[in-house]
Amino acid sequence: MDKYLHQNYPLEERAQILRDSADFTEEGASYTRTLTENELTIEREHLAEASIKRSEIEDEKKEVVKDYKAKLDPLNDQISEHLQKIKTGKEEIKGSLHGFKDHEDGTVYFYDDNGEMVYSRRLRANEAQKTVMSVLRDAK
C-alpha cells in the first residue's frame, strides 16, 4: 500500500472519503505522528515558556514557605519547650549555682539564687581542699 492515500482531495473532504473507502474504522484510536521541524520548534518554545512560568511560581512558593517558616519556628520552639516540661516535670533554667562543700561526707551541694538545693555530687579530687568559707562553716 502507498504511504499516503487520497492526497488529491482537499483536507476537509479527505477524512470522509477515507471513512467511505475503508474496510473498517476504529473510533477513538490512539496513535503517534512524527512532528515536522517547525512543529518541534514551536513545542520547544512552549516548553521554554512553561518552564520559565513554573520557575517563577516556584520562586514565589519558596518566598511564601520562608514567610510561613519564620512564623512557625517560634511556635514550634515553644511547643517543644512545653512538651519537654510536661514529659519531665522539670524546666531548664539558666542562672548561677552556688556550690557548698561538705568534706565530712565528700559531697558538694549546689543551690540556686533562691537558696533551693538543685543537685549534689561527689567531691572531685581537685575540690578536696577546704576553702575559707568551708572552714568558717565547719567552725559553727
N, C-alpha and C. Protein backbone atom coordinates (compact mmCIF):
# COMPACT_ATOMS: atom_id res chain seq x y z
N MET A 1 0.85 -1.19 0.00
CA MET A 1 0.00 0.00 0.00
C MET A 1 0.88 1.24 0.00
N ASP A 2 0.32 2.31 -0.51
CA ASP A 2 1.02 3.60 -0.54
C ASP A 2 1.10 4.19 0.86
N LYS A 3 2.13 5.00 1.07
CA LYS A 3 2.29 5.66 2.37
C LYS A 3 1.19 6.70 2.59
N TYR A 4 0.74 7.36 1.51
CA TYR A 4 -0.31 8.37 1.61
C TYR A 4 -1.44 8.00 0.68
N LEU A 5 -2.70 8.19 1.14
CA LEU A 5 -3.88 7.90 0.31
C LEU A 5 -4.69 9.18 0.09
N HIS A 6 -5.28 9.28 -1.05
CA HIS A 6 -6.24 10.35 -1.39
C HIS A 6 -5.70 11.76 -1.18
N GLN A 7 -4.44 11.95 -1.50
CA GLN A 7 -3.82 13.27 -1.33
C GLN A 7 -4.35 14.28 -2.34
N ASN A 8 -5.01 13.81 -3.39
CA ASN A 8 -5.52 14.71 -4.41
C ASN A 8 -6.84 15.37 -3.98
N TYR A 9 -7.41 14.96 -2.83
CA TYR A 9 -8.65 15.56 -2.32
C TYR A 9 -8.31 16.63 -1.29
N PRO A 10 -9.18 17.64 -1.15
CA PRO A 10 -8.94 18.67 -0.13
C PRO A 10 -8.97 18.05 1.28
N LEU A 11 -8.24 18.64 2.17
CA LEU A 11 -8.11 18.13 3.54
C LEU A 11 -9.47 18.00 4.22
N GLU A 12 -10.37 18.94 3.98
CA GLU A 12 -11.69 18.92 4.61
C GLU A 12 -12.50 17.69 4.20
N GLU A 13 -12.31 17.19 2.98
CA GLU A 13 -13.08 16.05 2.47
C GLU A 13 -12.36 14.73 2.68
N ARG A 14 -11.08 14.75 2.90
CA ARG A 14 -10.26 13.54 2.92
C ARG A 14 -10.72 12.54 3.98
N ALA A 15 -11.06 12.99 5.19
CA ALA A 15 -11.48 12.07 6.27
C ALA A 15 -12.74 11.31 5.87
N GLN A 16 -13.70 12.01 5.25
CA GLN A 16 -14.95 11.33 4.84
C GLN A 16 -14.68 10.33 3.73
N ILE A 17 -13.83 10.68 2.78
CA ILE A 17 -13.51 9.76 1.68
C ILE A 17 -12.80 8.52 2.23
N LEU A 18 -11.86 8.71 3.18
CA LEU A 18 -11.17 7.57 3.79
C LEU A 18 -12.16 6.68 4.55
N ARG A 19 -13.09 7.29 5.27
CA ARG A 19 -14.10 6.54 6.01
C ARG A 19 -14.96 5.71 5.05
N ASP A 20 -15.35 6.35 3.94
CA ASP A 20 -16.22 5.66 2.97
C ASP A 20 -15.50 4.54 2.23
N SER A 21 -14.20 4.65 2.03
CA SER A 21 -13.49 3.65 1.24
C SER A 21 -12.76 2.60 2.08
N ALA A 22 -12.73 2.78 3.40
CA ALA A 22 -12.02 1.84 4.28
C ALA A 22 -12.84 0.59 4.51
N ASP A 23 -12.17 -0.53 4.84
CA ASP A 23 -12.86 -1.77 5.19
C ASP A 23 -13.54 -1.63 6.56
N PHE A 24 -12.89 -0.93 7.46
CA PHE A 24 -13.48 -0.64 8.78
C PHE A 24 -12.77 0.58 9.36
N THR A 25 -13.37 1.17 10.39
CA THR A 25 -12.82 2.35 11.06
C THR A 25 -12.81 2.10 12.57
N GLU A 26 -11.68 2.36 13.20
CA GLU A 26 -11.58 2.29 14.66
C GLU A 26 -11.78 3.69 15.21
N GLU A 27 -12.86 3.87 15.95
CA GLU A 27 -13.13 5.18 16.55
C GLU A 27 -12.34 5.32 17.86
N GLY A 28 -11.84 6.50 18.13
CA GLY A 28 -11.14 6.77 19.39
C GLY A 28 -9.80 6.07 19.51
N ALA A 29 -9.20 5.68 18.40
CA ALA A 29 -7.90 5.01 18.44
C ALA A 29 -6.81 6.01 18.82
N SER A 30 -5.76 5.51 19.45
CA SER A 30 -4.63 6.35 19.83
C SER A 30 -3.43 5.93 18.98
N TYR A 31 -2.73 6.91 18.43
CA TYR A 31 -1.58 6.63 17.58
C TYR A 31 -0.62 7.81 17.66
N THR A 32 0.58 7.66 17.10
CA THR A 32 1.57 8.74 17.11
C THR A 32 1.81 9.24 15.69
N ARG A 33 2.29 10.46 15.63
CA ARG A 33 2.60 11.10 14.36
C ARG A 33 3.93 11.81 14.52
N THR A 34 4.79 11.74 13.54
CA THR A 34 6.08 12.42 13.58
C THR A 34 5.88 13.90 13.32
N LEU A 35 6.44 14.71 14.22
CA LEU A 35 6.30 16.16 14.08
C LEU A 35 7.30 16.70 13.06
N THR A 36 6.90 17.80 12.43
CA THR A 36 7.81 18.47 11.49
C THR A 36 8.80 19.31 12.30
N GLU A 37 9.85 19.76 11.64
CA GLU A 37 10.84 20.61 12.33
C GLU A 37 10.19 21.88 12.85
N ASN A 38 9.27 22.46 12.10
CA ASN A 38 8.57 23.67 12.52
C ASN A 38 7.73 23.38 13.77
N GLU A 39 7.03 22.24 13.79
CA GLU A 39 6.23 21.88 14.95
C GLU A 39 7.11 21.61 16.16
N LEU A 40 8.28 20.99 15.95
CA LEU A 40 9.22 20.77 17.05
C LEU A 40 9.73 22.09 17.63
N THR A 41 9.98 23.05 16.75
CA THR A 41 10.43 24.37 17.21
C THR A 41 9.36 25.03 18.06
N ILE A 42 8.12 24.93 17.62
CA ILE A 42 7.00 25.51 18.39
C ILE A 42 6.88 24.81 19.74
N GLU A 43 7.01 23.48 19.77
CA GLU A 43 6.95 22.74 21.03
C GLU A 43 8.06 23.15 21.98
N ARG A 44 9.25 23.38 21.43
CA ARG A 44 10.37 23.84 22.27
C ARG A 44 10.09 25.21 22.87
N GLU A 45 9.48 26.09 22.07
CA GLU A 45 9.11 27.42 22.58
C GLU A 45 8.08 27.30 23.69
N HIS A 46 7.08 26.43 23.52
CA HIS A 46 6.07 26.23 24.55
C HIS A 46 6.69 25.66 25.82
N LEU A 47 7.63 24.72 25.64
CA LEU A 47 8.32 24.14 26.78
C LEU A 47 9.11 25.21 27.54
N ALA A 48 9.81 26.06 26.81
CA ALA A 48 10.59 27.13 27.44
C ALA A 48 9.68 28.08 28.21
N GLU A 49 8.55 28.47 27.61
CA GLU A 49 7.62 29.39 28.27
C GLU A 49 7.05 28.76 29.54
N ALA A 50 6.65 27.49 29.43
CA ALA A 50 6.09 26.81 30.60
C ALA A 50 7.15 26.64 31.69
N SER A 51 8.39 26.35 31.32
CA SER A 51 9.47 26.18 32.29
C SER A 51 9.76 27.48 33.02
N ILE A 52 9.76 28.58 32.28
CA ILE A 52 10.00 29.89 32.89
C ILE A 52 8.88 30.23 33.86
N LYS A 53 7.64 30.00 33.45
CA LYS A 53 6.49 30.29 34.30
C LYS A 53 6.54 29.44 35.57
N ARG A 54 6.87 28.13 35.41
CA ARG A 54 6.97 27.25 36.57
C ARG A 54 8.07 27.73 37.51
N SER A 55 9.20 28.15 36.96
CA SER A 55 10.31 28.64 37.78
C SER A 55 9.88 29.87 38.58
N GLU A 56 9.14 30.78 37.94
CA GLU A 56 8.66 31.97 38.64
C GLU A 56 7.72 31.59 39.78
N ILE A 57 6.83 30.64 39.52
CA ILE A 57 5.89 30.21 40.55
C ILE A 57 6.63 29.50 41.68
N GLU A 58 7.63 28.69 41.36
CA GLU A 58 8.43 28.01 42.39
C GLU A 58 9.16 29.04 43.27
N ASP A 59 9.66 30.11 42.65
CA ASP A 59 10.33 31.16 43.42
C ASP A 59 9.35 31.84 44.38
N GLU A 60 8.11 32.11 43.89
CA GLU A 60 7.08 32.69 44.74
C GLU A 60 6.76 31.75 45.89
N LYS A 61 6.66 30.46 45.58
CA LYS A 61 6.34 29.46 46.59
C LYS A 61 7.42 29.43 47.67
N LYS A 62 8.69 29.50 47.26
CA LYS A 62 9.80 29.50 48.23
C LYS A 62 9.69 30.68 49.18
N GLU A 63 9.34 31.85 48.64
CA GLU A 63 9.20 33.03 49.49
C GLU A 63 8.06 32.87 50.49
N VAL A 64 6.93 32.34 50.01
CA VAL A 64 5.78 32.14 50.90
C VAL A 64 6.12 31.12 51.97
N VAL A 65 6.78 30.03 51.57
CA VAL A 65 7.18 29.00 52.54
C VAL A 65 8.15 29.59 53.57
N LYS A 66 9.06 30.43 53.10
CA LYS A 66 10.02 31.06 54.01
C LYS A 66 9.28 31.94 55.03
N ASP A 67 8.28 32.69 54.56
CA ASP A 67 7.50 33.54 55.46
C ASP A 67 6.76 32.70 56.50
N TYR A 68 6.12 31.62 56.05
CA TYR A 68 5.41 30.76 56.99
C TYR A 68 6.37 30.08 57.95
N LYS A 69 7.53 29.68 57.46
CA LYS A 69 8.52 29.04 58.32
C LYS A 69 8.96 30.01 59.42
N ALA A 70 9.15 31.27 59.04
CA ALA A 70 9.55 32.27 60.03
C ALA A 70 8.47 32.44 61.10
N LYS A 71 7.21 32.30 60.70
CA LYS A 71 6.11 32.41 61.68
C LYS A 71 6.00 31.14 62.53
N LEU A 72 6.24 29.99 61.92
CA LEU A 72 6.05 28.71 62.62
C LEU A 72 7.21 28.34 63.54
N ASP A 73 8.43 28.72 63.20
CA ASP A 73 9.59 28.31 64.00
C ASP A 73 9.48 28.70 65.47
N PRO A 74 9.11 29.95 65.80
CA PRO A 74 8.98 30.28 67.22
C PRO A 74 7.90 29.44 67.92
N LEU A 75 6.80 29.18 67.22
CA LEU A 75 5.75 28.35 67.82
C LEU A 75 6.22 26.92 68.02
N ASN A 76 6.95 26.39 67.06
CA ASN A 76 7.49 25.04 67.20
C ASN A 76 8.45 24.96 68.38
N ASP A 77 9.26 26.01 68.56
CA ASP A 77 10.18 26.04 69.70
C ASP A 77 9.41 26.06 71.02
N GLN A 78 8.34 26.87 71.07
CA GLN A 78 7.52 26.94 72.28
C GLN A 78 6.87 25.59 72.58
N ILE A 79 6.35 24.97 71.53
CA ILE A 79 5.69 23.68 71.71
C ILE A 79 6.69 22.64 72.22
N SER A 80 7.88 22.62 71.65
CA SER A 80 8.91 21.68 72.10
C SER A 80 9.27 21.92 73.56
N GLU A 81 9.39 23.18 73.92
CA GLU A 81 9.74 23.52 75.31
C GLU A 81 8.64 23.07 76.27
N HIS A 82 7.38 23.34 75.91
CA HIS A 82 6.27 22.93 76.77
C HIS A 82 6.17 21.40 76.86
N LEU A 83 6.36 20.71 75.75
CA LEU A 83 6.32 19.25 75.76
C LEU A 83 7.41 18.68 76.66
N GLN A 84 8.61 19.24 76.56
CA GLN A 84 9.72 18.78 77.39
C GLN A 84 9.41 18.96 78.87
N LYS A 85 8.83 20.11 79.22
CA LYS A 85 8.48 20.37 80.61
C LYS A 85 7.42 19.38 81.10
N ILE A 86 6.43 19.11 80.24
CA ILE A 86 5.36 18.18 80.62
C ILE A 86 5.91 16.77 80.76
N LYS A 87 6.77 16.34 79.83
CA LYS A 87 7.34 14.99 79.87
C LYS A 87 8.17 14.77 81.13
N THR A 88 9.04 15.74 81.43
CA THR A 88 9.98 15.56 82.53
C THR A 88 9.47 16.09 83.86
N GLY A 89 8.48 16.99 83.80
CA GLY A 89 8.02 17.64 85.03
C GLY A 89 9.03 18.64 85.55
N LYS A 90 9.96 19.05 84.69
CA LYS A 90 11.02 20.00 85.08
C LYS A 90 11.22 21.01 83.97
N GLU A 91 11.89 22.11 84.33
CA GLU A 91 12.26 23.09 83.32
C GLU A 91 13.73 23.42 83.45
N GLU A 92 14.34 23.80 82.34
CA GLU A 92 15.74 24.18 82.35
C GLU A 92 15.84 25.68 82.61
N ILE A 93 16.70 26.04 83.55
CA ILE A 93 16.87 27.44 83.92
C ILE A 93 18.35 27.80 83.76
N LYS A 94 18.61 28.95 83.20
CA LYS A 94 19.98 29.46 83.10
C LYS A 94 20.17 30.44 84.26
N GLY A 95 21.20 30.24 85.02
CA GLY A 95 21.45 31.13 86.16
C GLY A 95 22.67 30.66 86.94
N SER A 96 22.87 31.29 88.07
CA SER A 96 24.03 30.96 88.92
C SER A 96 23.70 29.82 89.86
N LEU A 97 24.66 28.94 90.05
CA LEU A 97 24.57 27.89 91.05
C LEU A 97 25.73 28.08 92.03
N HIS A 98 25.42 27.93 93.29
CA HIS A 98 26.40 28.17 94.35
C HIS A 98 26.75 26.84 95.01
N GLY A 99 28.03 26.45 94.94
CA GLY A 99 28.48 25.17 95.47
C GLY A 99 28.94 25.27 96.92
N PHE A 100 28.48 24.32 97.73
CA PHE A 100 28.87 24.24 99.14
C PHE A 100 29.44 22.85 99.38
N LYS A 101 30.72 22.81 99.82
CA LYS A 101 31.40 21.54 100.05
C LYS A 101 31.08 21.02 101.44
N ASP A 102 30.85 19.74 101.53
CA ASP A 102 30.70 19.04 102.81
C ASP A 102 31.81 17.99 102.83
N HIS A 103 32.91 18.33 103.50
CA HIS A 103 34.08 17.46 103.49
C HIS A 103 33.86 16.19 104.29
N GLU A 104 32.97 16.23 105.27
CA GLU A 104 32.71 15.04 106.08
C GLU A 104 32.14 13.89 105.25
N ASP A 105 31.16 14.20 104.37
CA ASP A 105 30.60 13.11 103.56
C ASP A 105 31.10 13.16 102.11
N GLY A 106 32.05 14.08 101.79
CA GLY A 106 32.67 14.14 100.47
C GLY A 106 31.72 14.53 99.36
N THR A 107 30.84 15.46 99.66
CA THR A 107 29.82 15.87 98.70
C THR A 107 29.84 17.39 98.52
N VAL A 108 29.49 17.83 97.34
CA VAL A 108 29.28 19.26 97.10
C VAL A 108 27.81 19.44 96.73
N TYR A 109 27.18 20.43 97.37
CA TYR A 109 25.75 20.71 97.16
C TYR A 109 25.63 22.02 96.40
N PHE A 110 24.74 22.05 95.40
CA PHE A 110 24.55 23.24 94.58
C PHE A 110 23.18 23.83 94.83
N TYR A 111 23.16 25.17 95.08
CA TYR A 111 21.93 25.90 95.38
C TYR A 111 21.76 27.01 94.35
N ASP A 112 20.48 27.29 94.02
CA ASP A 112 20.21 28.40 93.10
C ASP A 112 20.14 29.70 93.88
N ASP A 113 19.86 30.80 93.18
CA ASP A 113 19.81 32.12 93.83
C ASP A 113 18.68 32.22 94.85
N ASN A 114 17.70 31.33 94.79
CA ASN A 114 16.61 31.33 95.78
C ASN A 114 16.97 30.52 97.02
N GLY A 115 18.14 29.90 97.01
CA GLY A 115 18.56 29.11 98.16
C GLY A 115 18.03 27.69 98.13
N GLU A 116 17.49 27.25 97.01
CA GLU A 116 16.96 25.89 96.88
C GLU A 116 18.05 24.97 96.35
N MET A 117 18.23 23.82 97.00
CA MET A 117 19.24 22.89 96.52
C MET A 117 18.77 22.31 95.18
N VAL A 118 19.64 22.41 94.18
CA VAL A 118 19.32 21.94 92.83
C VAL A 118 19.80 20.51 92.66
N TYR A 119 21.04 20.25 93.07
CA TYR A 119 21.58 18.89 92.99
C TYR A 119 22.85 18.81 93.82
N SER A 120 23.32 17.57 93.95
CA SER A 120 24.58 17.34 94.68
C SER A 120 25.35 16.26 93.94
N ARG A 121 26.66 16.23 94.24
CA ARG A 121 27.51 15.20 93.63
C ARG A 121 28.72 14.97 94.54
N ARG A 122 29.47 13.95 94.24
CA ARG A 122 30.67 13.65 94.99
C ARG A 122 31.71 14.74 94.71
N LEU A 123 32.52 15.04 95.71
CA LEU A 123 33.63 15.99 95.52
C LEU A 123 34.63 15.38 94.53
N ARG A 124 35.13 16.19 93.65
CA ARG A 124 36.17 15.74 92.73
C ARG A 124 37.53 15.89 93.43
N ALA A 125 38.51 15.23 92.88
CA ALA A 125 39.84 15.25 93.51
C ALA A 125 40.39 16.68 93.61
N ASN A 126 40.16 17.49 92.60
CA ASN A 126 40.69 18.86 92.63
C ASN A 126 39.85 19.78 93.53
N GLU A 127 38.76 19.27 94.12
CA GLU A 127 37.92 20.07 95.01
C GLU A 127 38.10 19.66 96.49
N ALA A 128 39.01 18.75 96.77
CA ALA A 128 39.15 18.21 98.13
C ALA A 128 39.68 19.24 99.13
N GLN A 129 40.43 20.22 98.66
CA GLN A 129 40.99 21.21 99.57
C GLN A 129 39.89 22.12 100.11
N LYS A 130 39.93 22.40 101.39
CA LYS A 130 38.93 23.26 102.02
C LYS A 130 39.16 24.71 101.59
N THR A 131 38.03 25.44 101.50
CA THR A 131 38.10 26.87 101.21
C THR A 131 37.90 27.63 102.51
N VAL A 132 38.13 28.94 102.49
CA VAL A 132 37.92 29.77 103.68
C VAL A 132 36.48 29.64 104.14
N MET A 133 35.53 29.63 103.18
CA MET A 133 34.12 29.57 103.54
C MET A 133 33.76 28.22 104.15
N SER A 134 34.34 27.15 103.64
CA SER A 134 34.02 25.83 104.22
C SER A 134 34.60 25.70 105.62
N VAL A 135 35.76 26.30 105.86
CA VAL A 135 36.36 26.27 107.21
C VAL A 135 35.47 27.05 108.18
N LEU A 136 34.98 28.24 107.73
CA LEU A 136 34.10 29.04 108.60
C LEU A 136 32.79 28.29 108.89
N ARG A 137 32.25 27.59 107.91
CA ARG A 137 31.02 26.83 108.12
C ARG A 137 31.26 25.69 109.13
N ASP A 138 32.39 25.04 108.99
CA ASP A 138 32.70 23.92 109.88
C ASP A 138 32.93 24.41 111.33
N ALA A 139 33.39 25.65 111.47
CA ALA A 139 33.65 26.21 112.81
C ALA A 139 32.36 26.49 113.55
N LYS A 140 31.25 26.62 112.90
CA LYS A 140 29.99 26.94 113.58
C LYS A 140 29.37 25.78 114.22
